[in-house]
Amino acid sequence: MTDQHVLTWAVTESGGYETAWVTLSGTGLRARGRVLGLRPRPYWMTYELETGQGYVTRRLQVTAETPSATHRLDLRRDGGSWTADGKPLPEVAGALDCDLGLSPLTNAMPTLRHQLHTGPGRHDFLMAWVSVPDLTVRPSEQTYEHIGLTARGARIRYTSGDFSSDIEFSRDGLVLTYPGIGHLLRAD
């Protein structure tokens, strides 16, 4: 079964917006998106994301343009090894997911994989976190914990370092409200 979604979030942290065309098929996800941000400095960004089975990242291609530079990233995961623009990233070896900074979309992969939007669970993850707009990749330890079901889906507590937020997900496992980051404006 294939589900297609067009989602637009107001990203309050960046003072901008993100629109993503998302296809969920079996246990895989494909997405392409466009982002406009005003903070930390104005930027435009486009991305394409592809996962394999189990919502495990295969590839994230991103281009970010600021007034002073254009940054590109081709992030790939192959059998547990990661590369950025062809260069090995041993610091994120073993990670299953990428996490594109300030993007509500990439919180879906671990949530969907572990069905945290449908029932109890708590999982710790190592992520290949991508800083925006410079597109630097860093390791990030994160925890996702199912807090409870809501009228629209579920609430999941996201924690990374000193940051914590109770994110509301739809019944499809996509972000509706991410306190401190943004909220869904429209879904088709």
N, C-alpha and C. Protein backbone atom coordinates (compact mmCIF):
# COMPACT_ATOMS: atom_id res chain seq x y z
N MET A 1 0.83 -1.18 0.00
CA MET A 1 0.00 0.00 0.00
C MET A 1 0.88 1.25 0.00
N THR A 2 0.53 2.22 -0.82
CA THR A 2 1.30 3.46 -0.92
C THR A 2 0.42 4.63 -0.49
N ASP A 3 0.95 5.45 0.42
CA ASP A 3 0.28 6.67 0.85
C ASP A 3 1.13 7.86 0.44
N GLN A 4 0.49 8.85 -0.16
CA GLN A 4 1.20 10.06 -0.54
C GLN A 4 0.65 11.24 0.24
N HIS A 5 1.56 12.09 0.70
CA HIS A 5 1.20 13.25 1.51
C HIS A 5 1.98 14.47 1.01
N VAL A 6 1.34 15.61 1.05
CA VAL A 6 2.03 16.89 0.86
C VAL A 6 1.82 17.65 2.17
N LEU A 7 2.92 17.95 2.84
CA LEU A 7 2.87 18.56 4.18
C LEU A 7 3.60 19.89 4.17
N THR A 8 3.02 20.88 4.82
CA THR A 8 3.69 22.17 4.98
C THR A 8 3.69 22.53 6.46
N TRP A 9 4.90 22.77 6.97
CA TRP A 9 5.07 23.16 8.36
C TRP A 9 5.55 24.61 8.44
N ALA A 10 5.08 25.34 9.44
CA ALA A 10 5.69 26.61 9.82
C ALA A 10 6.81 26.22 10.78
N VAL A 11 8.03 26.59 10.44
CA VAL A 11 9.19 26.23 11.26
C VAL A 11 9.58 27.47 12.05
N THR A 12 9.03 27.58 13.25
CA THR A 12 9.21 28.78 14.06
C THR A 12 10.66 29.01 14.46
N GLU A 13 11.41 27.95 14.68
CA GLU A 13 12.81 28.07 15.09
C GLU A 13 13.64 28.79 14.03
N SER A 14 13.32 28.56 12.73
CA SER A 14 14.08 29.21 11.66
C SER A 14 13.35 30.43 11.11
N GLY A 15 12.12 30.68 11.58
CA GLY A 15 11.33 31.78 11.03
C GLY A 15 10.89 31.51 9.61
N GLY A 16 10.72 30.24 9.25
CA GLY A 16 10.43 29.90 7.86
C GLY A 16 9.38 28.83 7.71
N TYR A 17 9.47 28.12 6.58
CA TYR A 17 8.49 27.10 6.20
C TYR A 17 9.21 25.93 5.54
N GLU A 18 8.57 24.76 5.63
CA GLU A 18 9.04 23.57 4.92
C GLU A 18 7.84 22.90 4.28
N THR A 19 7.96 22.55 3.01
CA THR A 19 6.95 21.74 2.33
C THR A 19 7.63 20.47 1.84
N ALA A 20 7.00 19.33 2.14
CA ALA A 20 7.56 18.03 1.74
C ALA A 20 6.51 17.21 1.02
N TRP A 21 6.91 16.59 -0.07
CA TRP A 21 6.11 15.62 -0.79
C TRP A 21 6.60 14.26 -0.31
N VAL A 22 5.77 13.53 0.40
CA VAL A 22 6.18 12.29 1.09
C VAL A 22 5.39 11.11 0.54
N THR A 23 6.11 10.03 0.23
CA THR A 23 5.47 8.78 -0.15
C THR A 23 5.88 7.72 0.84
N LEU A 24 4.88 7.11 1.50
CA LEU A 24 5.09 5.99 2.40
C LEU A 24 4.63 4.74 1.67
N SER A 25 5.53 3.75 1.57
CA SER A 25 5.21 2.53 0.83
C SER A 25 5.78 1.34 1.59
N GLY A 26 4.90 0.46 2.09
CA GLY A 26 5.38 -0.65 2.89
C GLY A 26 6.06 -0.11 4.14
N THR A 27 7.35 -0.41 4.28
CA THR A 27 8.12 0.16 5.39
C THR A 27 9.24 1.05 4.86
N GLY A 28 8.95 1.77 3.78
CA GLY A 28 9.90 2.70 3.20
C GLY A 28 9.30 4.08 3.04
N LEU A 29 10.17 5.06 2.89
CA LEU A 29 9.76 6.45 2.77
C LEU A 29 10.62 7.12 1.70
N ARG A 30 9.97 7.91 0.87
CA ARG A 30 10.66 8.78 -0.08
C ARG A 30 10.08 10.17 0.10
N ALA A 31 10.95 11.17 0.03
CA ALA A 31 10.47 12.54 0.20
C ALA A 31 11.35 13.49 -0.58
N ARG A 32 10.73 14.56 -0.99
CA ARG A 32 11.49 15.69 -1.53
C ARG A 32 10.85 16.92 -0.93
N GLY A 33 11.71 17.90 -0.61
CA GLY A 33 11.19 19.06 0.06
C GLY A 33 11.92 20.34 -0.28
N ARG A 34 11.25 21.42 0.09
CA ARG A 34 11.82 22.76 -0.07
C ARG A 34 11.63 23.50 1.25
N VAL A 35 12.66 24.26 1.60
CA VAL A 35 12.66 24.96 2.88
C VAL A 35 13.08 26.41 2.65
N LEU A 36 12.42 27.31 3.37
CA LEU A 36 12.82 28.71 3.42
C LEU A 36 13.03 29.02 4.89
N GLY A 37 14.22 29.50 5.24
CA GLY A 37 14.50 29.87 6.62
C GLY A 37 15.09 31.27 6.69
N LEU A 38 14.85 31.94 7.80
CA LEU A 38 15.39 33.28 8.01
C LEU A 38 16.46 33.32 9.08
N ARG A 39 16.50 32.27 9.95
CA ARG A 39 17.48 32.21 11.02
C ARG A 39 18.23 30.88 10.96
N PRO A 40 19.53 30.85 11.23
CA PRO A 40 20.36 31.90 11.80
C PRO A 40 20.69 33.01 10.80
N ARG A 41 20.55 32.73 9.51
CA ARG A 41 20.65 33.74 8.45
C ARG A 41 19.76 33.23 7.32
N PRO A 42 19.30 34.10 6.42
CA PRO A 42 18.39 33.64 5.37
C PRO A 42 18.99 32.50 4.53
N TYR A 43 18.15 31.51 4.24
CA TYR A 43 18.59 30.40 3.39
C TYR A 43 17.39 29.77 2.67
N TRP A 44 17.72 29.18 1.51
CA TRP A 44 16.81 28.32 0.75
C TRP A 44 17.42 26.94 0.82
N MET A 45 16.58 25.92 0.85
CA MET A 45 17.13 24.57 0.88
C MET A 45 16.18 23.64 0.13
N THR A 46 16.77 22.70 -0.61
CA THR A 46 16.01 21.62 -1.24
C THR A 46 16.64 20.31 -0.79
N TYR A 47 15.81 19.27 -0.70
CA TYR A 47 16.35 17.96 -0.32
C TYR A 47 15.55 16.84 -0.96
N GLU A 48 16.22 15.70 -1.06
CA GLU A 48 15.59 14.44 -1.45
C GLU A 48 16.06 13.40 -0.45
N LEU A 49 15.11 12.63 0.07
CA LEU A 49 15.40 11.62 1.08
C LEU A 49 14.84 10.29 0.61
N GLU A 50 15.63 9.24 0.78
CA GLU A 50 15.19 7.90 0.43
C GLU A 50 15.59 6.94 1.54
N THR A 51 14.62 6.13 1.99
CA THR A 51 14.94 5.10 2.95
C THR A 51 14.78 3.74 2.29
N GLY A 52 15.34 2.73 2.94
CA GLY A 52 15.11 1.36 2.54
C GLY A 52 14.04 0.77 3.44
N GLN A 53 13.96 -0.55 3.45
CA GLN A 53 13.00 -1.22 4.32
C GLN A 53 13.27 -0.88 5.78
N GLY A 54 12.22 -0.82 6.57
CA GLY A 54 12.35 -0.48 7.98
C GLY A 54 12.62 1.00 8.20
N TYR A 55 12.37 1.82 7.18
CA TYR A 55 12.58 3.27 7.26
C TYR A 55 14.03 3.62 7.59
N VAL A 56 14.97 2.80 7.16
CA VAL A 56 16.40 3.05 7.39
C VAL A 56 16.93 3.91 6.24
N THR A 57 17.59 5.01 6.60
CA THR A 57 18.09 5.94 5.59
C THR A 57 19.03 5.27 4.61
N ARG A 58 18.80 5.54 3.32
CA ARG A 58 19.74 5.16 2.26
C ARG A 58 20.53 6.38 1.80
N ARG A 59 19.76 7.48 1.55
CA ARG A 59 20.42 8.65 0.97
C ARG A 59 19.64 9.92 1.29
N LEU A 60 20.39 10.96 1.59
CA LEU A 60 19.85 12.30 1.74
C LEU A 60 20.71 13.23 0.91
N GLN A 61 20.10 13.88 -0.07
CA GLN A 61 20.79 14.88 -0.89
C GLN A 61 20.19 16.23 -0.54
N VAL A 62 21.05 17.20 -0.20
CA VAL A 62 20.59 18.52 0.22
C VAL A 62 21.43 19.60 -0.45
N THR A 63 20.76 20.67 -0.85
CA THR A 63 21.43 21.88 -1.30
C THR A 63 20.87 23.03 -0.48
N ALA A 64 21.75 23.81 0.12
CA ALA A 64 21.35 24.98 0.91
C ALA A 64 22.07 26.20 0.36
N GLU A 65 21.30 27.24 0.10
CA GLU A 65 21.88 28.49 -0.41
C GLU A 65 21.65 29.60 0.60
N THR A 66 22.74 30.31 0.93
CA THR A 66 22.68 31.49 1.78
C THR A 66 23.13 32.67 0.93
N PRO A 67 23.02 33.90 1.42
CA PRO A 67 23.49 35.03 0.63
C PRO A 67 24.97 34.95 0.26
N SER A 68 25.76 34.21 1.06
CA SER A 68 27.20 34.18 0.82
C SER A 68 27.76 32.87 0.28
N ALA A 69 26.95 31.80 0.28
CA ALA A 69 27.51 30.50 -0.14
C ALA A 69 26.40 29.52 -0.53
N THR A 70 26.79 28.53 -1.30
CA THR A 70 25.93 27.38 -1.61
C THR A 70 26.61 26.14 -1.06
N HIS A 71 25.87 25.38 -0.25
CA HIS A 71 26.38 24.15 0.34
C HIS A 71 25.63 22.97 -0.25
N ARG A 72 26.35 21.89 -0.50
CA ARG A 72 25.72 20.66 -1.01
C ARG A 72 26.18 19.49 -0.17
N LEU A 73 25.28 18.54 0.01
CA LEU A 73 25.60 17.34 0.77
C LEU A 73 24.95 16.14 0.10
N ASP A 74 25.75 15.10 -0.11
CA ASP A 74 25.25 13.80 -0.57
C ASP A 74 25.60 12.81 0.53
N LEU A 75 24.63 12.57 1.43
CA LEU A 75 24.82 11.71 2.58
C LEU A 75 24.25 10.34 2.25
N ARG A 76 25.08 9.30 2.40
CA ARG A 76 24.64 7.95 2.06
C ARG A 76 24.96 6.97 3.18
N ARG A 77 24.06 6.00 3.34
CA ARG A 77 24.26 4.90 4.28
C ARG A 77 24.22 3.61 3.48
N ASP A 78 25.27 2.81 3.65
CA ASP A 78 25.34 1.54 2.94
C ASP A 78 25.86 0.48 3.90
N GLY A 79 24.97 -0.41 4.33
CA GLY A 79 25.37 -1.51 5.21
C GLY A 79 25.92 -1.06 6.55
N GLY A 80 25.48 0.05 7.07
CA GLY A 80 25.94 0.52 8.38
C GLY A 80 27.04 1.56 8.30
N SER A 81 27.63 1.74 7.12
CA SER A 81 28.67 2.75 6.93
C SER A 81 28.07 3.98 6.26
N TRP A 82 28.51 5.13 6.70
CA TRP A 82 28.03 6.40 6.15
C TRP A 82 29.13 7.13 5.41
N THR A 83 28.74 7.84 4.37
CA THR A 83 29.66 8.74 3.67
C THR A 83 28.95 10.08 3.44
N ALA A 84 29.75 11.14 3.43
CA ALA A 84 29.28 12.47 3.07
C ALA A 84 30.11 12.92 1.89
N ASP A 85 29.47 13.07 0.75
CA ASP A 85 30.17 13.45 -0.47
C ASP A 85 31.32 12.48 -0.77
N GLY A 86 31.09 11.20 -0.50
CA GLY A 86 32.07 10.15 -0.78
C GLY A 86 33.12 9.94 0.30
N LYS A 87 33.14 10.77 1.33
CA LYS A 87 34.13 10.63 2.41
C LYS A 87 33.51 9.88 3.58
N PRO A 88 34.23 8.88 4.13
CA PRO A 88 33.69 8.10 5.25
C PRO A 88 33.38 8.95 6.48
N LEU A 89 32.32 8.56 7.18
CA LEU A 89 31.91 9.21 8.42
C LEU A 89 31.88 8.17 9.54
N PRO A 90 33.05 7.75 10.04
CA PRO A 90 33.06 6.70 11.06
C PRO A 90 32.38 7.10 12.36
N GLU A 91 32.27 8.40 12.64
CA GLU A 91 31.66 8.85 13.88
C GLU A 91 30.16 8.56 13.95
N VAL A 92 29.52 8.25 12.82
CA VAL A 92 28.09 7.91 12.83
C VAL A 92 27.86 6.45 12.41
N ALA A 93 28.92 5.66 12.35
CA ALA A 93 28.78 4.24 11.98
C ALA A 93 27.78 3.58 12.92
N GLY A 94 26.91 2.80 12.35
CA GLY A 94 25.89 2.11 13.14
C GLY A 94 24.57 2.86 13.22
N ALA A 95 24.57 4.15 12.92
CA ALA A 95 23.32 4.92 12.92
C ALA A 95 22.43 4.42 11.79
N LEU A 96 21.13 4.42 12.02
CA LEU A 96 20.18 4.01 10.98
C LEU A 96 19.53 5.20 10.28
N ASP A 97 19.56 6.35 10.95
CA ASP A 97 18.81 7.50 10.45
C ASP A 97 19.65 8.75 10.31
N CYS A 98 19.25 9.57 9.35
CA CYS A 98 19.73 10.94 9.30
C CYS A 98 18.71 11.80 10.02
N ASP A 99 19.12 12.97 10.44
CA ASP A 99 18.23 13.94 11.08
C ASP A 99 18.59 15.30 10.52
N LEU A 100 17.78 15.79 9.59
CA LEU A 100 18.02 17.09 8.97
C LEU A 100 17.57 18.17 9.94
N GLY A 101 18.50 19.01 10.36
CA GLY A 101 18.24 20.04 11.36
C GLY A 101 17.03 20.89 10.99
N LEU A 102 16.21 21.19 11.99
CA LEU A 102 15.03 22.04 11.87
C LEU A 102 13.97 21.50 10.92
N SER A 103 14.05 20.21 10.54
CA SER A 103 13.06 19.60 9.67
C SER A 103 12.20 18.62 10.46
N PRO A 104 10.89 18.87 10.55
CA PRO A 104 10.01 17.92 11.23
C PRO A 104 9.93 16.56 10.53
N LEU A 105 10.23 16.51 9.25
CA LEU A 105 10.08 15.26 8.49
C LEU A 105 10.92 14.12 9.03
N THR A 106 12.20 14.35 9.32
CA THR A 106 13.10 13.24 9.63
C THR A 106 12.86 12.62 11.00
N ASN A 107 11.96 13.19 11.80
CA ASN A 107 11.57 12.53 13.05
C ASN A 107 10.64 11.35 12.79
N ALA A 108 10.14 11.24 11.57
CA ALA A 108 9.22 10.15 11.24
C ALA A 108 9.90 8.79 11.19
N MET A 109 11.12 8.71 10.71
CA MET A 109 11.73 7.40 10.45
C MET A 109 11.84 6.53 11.71
N PRO A 110 12.45 6.99 12.82
CA PRO A 110 12.51 6.12 14.00
C PRO A 110 11.13 5.87 14.61
N THR A 111 10.24 6.85 14.49
CA THR A 111 8.88 6.69 15.01
C THR A 111 8.15 5.58 14.25
N LEU A 112 8.22 5.62 12.93
CA LEU A 112 7.55 4.61 12.12
C LEU A 112 8.19 3.23 12.30
N ARG A 113 9.51 3.18 12.33
CA ARG A 113 10.21 1.89 12.46
C ARG A 113 9.78 1.14 13.71
N HIS A 114 9.63 1.88 14.82
CA HIS A 114 9.30 1.26 16.10
C HIS A 114 7.83 1.42 16.48
N GLN A 115 7.01 1.93 15.53
CA GLN A 115 5.57 2.08 15.73
C GLN A 115 5.24 2.85 17.01
N LEU A 116 6.07 3.85 17.32
CA LEU A 116 5.87 4.63 18.54
C LEU A 116 4.61 5.50 18.47
N HIS A 117 4.09 5.72 17.28
CA HIS A 117 2.87 6.50 17.12
C HIS A 117 1.61 5.66 17.35
N THR A 118 1.79 4.35 17.60
CA THR A 118 0.64 3.49 17.82
C THR A 118 0.62 2.85 19.21
N GLY A 119 1.76 2.83 19.91
CA GLY A 119 1.78 2.20 21.22
C GLY A 119 3.07 2.44 21.97
N PRO A 120 3.13 1.91 23.19
CA PRO A 120 4.25 2.17 24.10
C PRO A 120 5.61 1.73 23.55
N GLY A 121 6.62 2.42 24.04
CA GLY A 121 7.99 2.07 23.71
C GLY A 121 8.92 3.23 24.00
N ARG A 122 10.18 2.91 24.19
CA ARG A 122 11.23 3.90 24.39
C ARG A 122 12.48 3.37 23.73
N HIS A 123 13.12 4.18 22.88
CA HIS A 123 14.30 3.74 22.14
C HIS A 123 15.35 4.84 22.10
N ASP A 124 16.61 4.43 22.25
CA ASP A 124 17.75 5.33 22.12
C ASP A 124 18.37 5.13 20.75
N PHE A 125 18.80 6.23 20.13
CA PHE A 125 19.34 6.18 18.78
C PHE A 125 20.60 7.02 18.67
N LEU A 126 21.46 6.60 17.75
CA LEU A 126 22.54 7.45 17.25
C LEU A 126 22.08 7.91 15.87
N MET A 127 22.12 9.22 15.64
CA MET A 127 21.67 9.80 14.37
C MET A 127 22.83 10.49 13.67
N ALA A 128 22.75 10.52 12.36
CA ALA A 128 23.64 11.35 11.54
C ALA A 128 22.92 12.69 11.39
N TRP A 129 23.20 13.62 12.31
CA TRP A 129 22.51 14.91 12.36
C TRP A 129 23.17 15.90 11.40
N VAL A 130 22.34 16.57 10.58
CA VAL A 130 22.82 17.51 9.57
C VAL A 130 22.47 18.93 10.00
N SER A 131 23.50 19.73 10.26
CA SER A 131 23.33 21.12 10.66
C SER A 131 22.88 21.96 9.46
N VAL A 132 21.96 22.88 9.71
CA VAL A 132 21.42 23.74 8.65
C VAL A 132 21.78 25.19 8.97
N PRO A 133 22.25 25.98 8.02
CA PRO A 133 22.33 25.71 6.60
C PRO A 133 23.72 25.25 6.11
N ASP A 134 24.69 25.02 7.02
CA ASP A 134 26.04 24.68 6.55
C ASP A 134 26.19 23.21 6.14
N LEU A 135 25.21 22.35 6.48
CA LEU A 135 25.15 20.94 6.09
C LEU A 135 26.31 20.11 6.62
N THR A 136 26.81 20.47 7.79
CA THR A 136 27.82 19.67 8.48
C THR A 136 27.14 18.48 9.15
N VAL A 137 27.74 17.30 9.07
CA VAL A 137 27.17 16.09 9.66
C VAL A 137 27.89 15.78 10.97
N ARG A 138 27.09 15.57 12.03
CA ARG A 138 27.63 15.26 13.35
C ARG A 138 26.84 14.11 13.96
N PRO A 139 27.46 13.35 14.87
CA PRO A 139 26.69 12.33 15.59
C PRO A 139 25.78 13.00 16.61
N SER A 140 24.60 12.43 16.81
CA SER A 140 23.65 12.96 17.78
C SER A 140 22.95 11.80 18.46
N GLU A 141 23.06 11.74 19.78
CA GLU A 141 22.34 10.72 20.54
C GLU A 141 20.96 11.26 20.87
N GLN A 142 19.94 10.47 20.57
CA GLN A 142 18.56 10.91 20.74
C GLN A 142 17.72 9.78 21.35
N THR A 143 16.69 10.17 22.07
CA THR A 143 15.75 9.22 22.65
C THR A 143 14.34 9.59 22.22
N TYR A 144 13.56 8.60 21.83
CA TYR A 144 12.15 8.75 21.50
C TYR A 144 11.37 7.87 22.46
N GLU A 145 10.36 8.46 23.14
CA GLU A 145 9.55 7.70 24.09
C GLU A 145 8.07 8.00 23.90
N HIS A 146 7.28 6.97 23.66
CA HIS A 146 5.83 7.11 23.52
C HIS A 146 5.27 7.58 24.86
N ILE A 147 4.54 8.71 24.84
CA ILE A 147 3.94 9.26 26.05
C ILE A 147 2.46 8.86 26.14
N GLY A 148 1.78 8.88 25.01
CA GLY A 148 0.37 8.50 25.02
C GLY A 148 -0.30 8.83 23.70
N LEU A 149 -1.47 8.23 23.50
CA LEU A 149 -2.26 8.50 22.31
C LEU A 149 -3.01 9.81 22.47
N THR A 150 -3.29 10.48 21.35
CA THR A 150 -4.05 11.73 21.34
C THR A 150 -5.22 11.54 20.37
N ALA A 151 -6.08 12.52 20.29
CA ALA A 151 -7.21 12.46 19.35
C ALA A 151 -6.73 12.38 17.90
N ARG A 152 -5.56 12.96 17.62
CA ARG A 152 -5.05 12.98 16.24
C ARG A 152 -3.95 11.96 15.97
N GLY A 153 -3.44 11.29 17.01
CA GLY A 153 -2.34 10.34 16.81
C GLY A 153 -1.69 9.97 18.13
N ALA A 154 -0.46 10.48 18.34
CA ALA A 154 0.27 10.15 19.57
C ALA A 154 1.24 11.26 19.92
N ARG A 155 1.61 11.31 21.19
CA ARG A 155 2.62 12.24 21.67
C ARG A 155 3.86 11.42 22.03
N ILE A 156 5.00 11.88 21.51
CA ILE A 156 6.27 11.18 21.73
C ILE A 156 7.28 12.19 22.27
N ARG A 157 7.92 11.82 23.37
CA ARG A 157 8.95 12.70 23.95
C ARG A 157 10.27 12.45 23.24
N TYR A 158 10.79 13.54 22.66
CA TYR A 158 12.09 13.54 21.98
C TYR A 158 13.09 14.20 22.92
N THR A 159 14.24 13.54 23.13
CA THR A 159 15.28 14.11 23.97
C THR A 159 16.62 13.96 23.27
N SER A 160 17.40 15.04 23.30
CA SER A 160 18.78 15.01 22.79
C SER A 160 19.58 16.01 23.63
N GLY A 161 20.54 15.50 24.39
CA GLY A 161 21.30 16.37 25.29
C GLY A 161 20.37 17.02 26.29
N ASP A 162 20.44 18.35 26.39
CA ASP A 162 19.59 19.10 27.33
C ASP A 162 18.23 19.47 26.73
N PHE A 163 18.03 19.17 25.45
CA PHE A 163 16.78 19.55 24.76
C PHE A 163 15.77 18.41 24.85
N SER A 164 14.52 18.78 25.16
CA SER A 164 13.43 17.81 25.21
C SER A 164 12.17 18.48 24.70
N SER A 165 11.36 17.73 23.96
CA SER A 165 10.11 18.25 23.44
C SER A 165 9.13 17.11 23.26
N ASP A 166 7.86 17.34 23.59
CA ASP A 166 6.81 16.34 23.39
C ASP A 166 6.17 16.61 22.03
N ILE A 167 6.54 15.80 21.05
CA ILE A 167 6.10 15.97 19.66
C ILE A 167 4.79 15.23 19.44
N GLU A 168 3.84 15.89 18.78
CA GLU A 168 2.60 15.21 18.41
C GLU A 168 2.71 14.70 16.98
N PHE A 169 2.46 13.40 16.82
CA PHE A 169 2.50 12.73 15.52
C PHE A 169 1.09 12.36 15.07
N SER A 170 0.89 12.32 13.77
CA SER A 170 -0.39 11.87 13.20
C SER A 170 -0.50 10.35 13.31
N ARG A 171 -1.65 9.84 12.98
CA ARG A 171 -1.84 8.39 12.95
C ARG A 171 -0.95 7.74 11.90
N ASP A 172 -0.50 8.52 10.90
CA ASP A 172 0.41 8.03 9.86
C ASP A 172 1.87 8.09 10.29
N GLY A 173 2.16 8.64 11.48
CA GLY A 173 3.54 8.71 11.96
C GLY A 173 4.30 9.93 11.49
N LEU A 174 3.59 10.98 11.07
CA LEU A 174 4.23 12.22 10.61
C LEU A 174 3.98 13.33 11.62
N VAL A 175 4.93 14.25 11.74
CA VAL A 175 4.86 15.30 12.76
C VAL A 175 3.72 16.28 12.49
N LEU A 176 2.92 16.50 13.54
CA LEU A 176 1.87 17.52 13.51
C LEU A 176 2.34 18.79 14.22
N THR A 177 2.82 18.63 15.45
CA THR A 177 3.29 19.75 16.25
C THR A 177 4.58 19.36 16.95
N TYR A 178 5.60 20.21 16.81
CA TYR A 178 6.91 19.97 17.42
C TYR A 178 7.23 21.22 18.23
N PRO A 179 6.79 21.28 19.50
CA PRO A 179 7.00 22.48 20.32
C PRO A 179 8.46 22.94 20.31
N GLY A 180 8.64 24.23 20.06
CA GLY A 180 9.98 24.80 20.00
C GLY A 180 10.59 24.76 18.60
N ILE A 181 10.01 23.96 17.71
CA ILE A 181 10.53 23.85 16.33
C ILE A 181 9.49 24.32 15.32
N GLY A 182 8.29 23.74 15.33
CA GLY A 182 7.29 24.15 14.35
C GLY A 182 6.01 23.35 14.46
N HIS A 183 5.08 23.64 13.52
CA HIS A 183 3.80 22.95 13.51
C HIS A 183 3.27 22.83 12.09
N LEU A 184 2.46 21.81 11.87
CA LEU A 184 1.89 21.55 10.56
C LEU A 184 0.85 22.61 10.23
N LEU A 185 0.96 23.20 9.05
CA LEU A 185 -0.01 24.16 8.58
C LEU A 185 -1.06 23.50 7.69
N ARG A 186 -0.57 22.55 6.87
CA ARG A 186 -1.47 21.94 5.87
C ARG A 186 -0.96 20.56 5.51
N ALA A 187 -1.91 19.65 5.31
CA ALA A 187 -1.59 18.31 4.84
C ALA A 187 -2.61 17.92 3.78
N ASP A 188 -2.12 17.43 2.66
CA ASP A 188 -3.00 16.95 1.57
C ASP A 188 -2.71 15.48 1.33
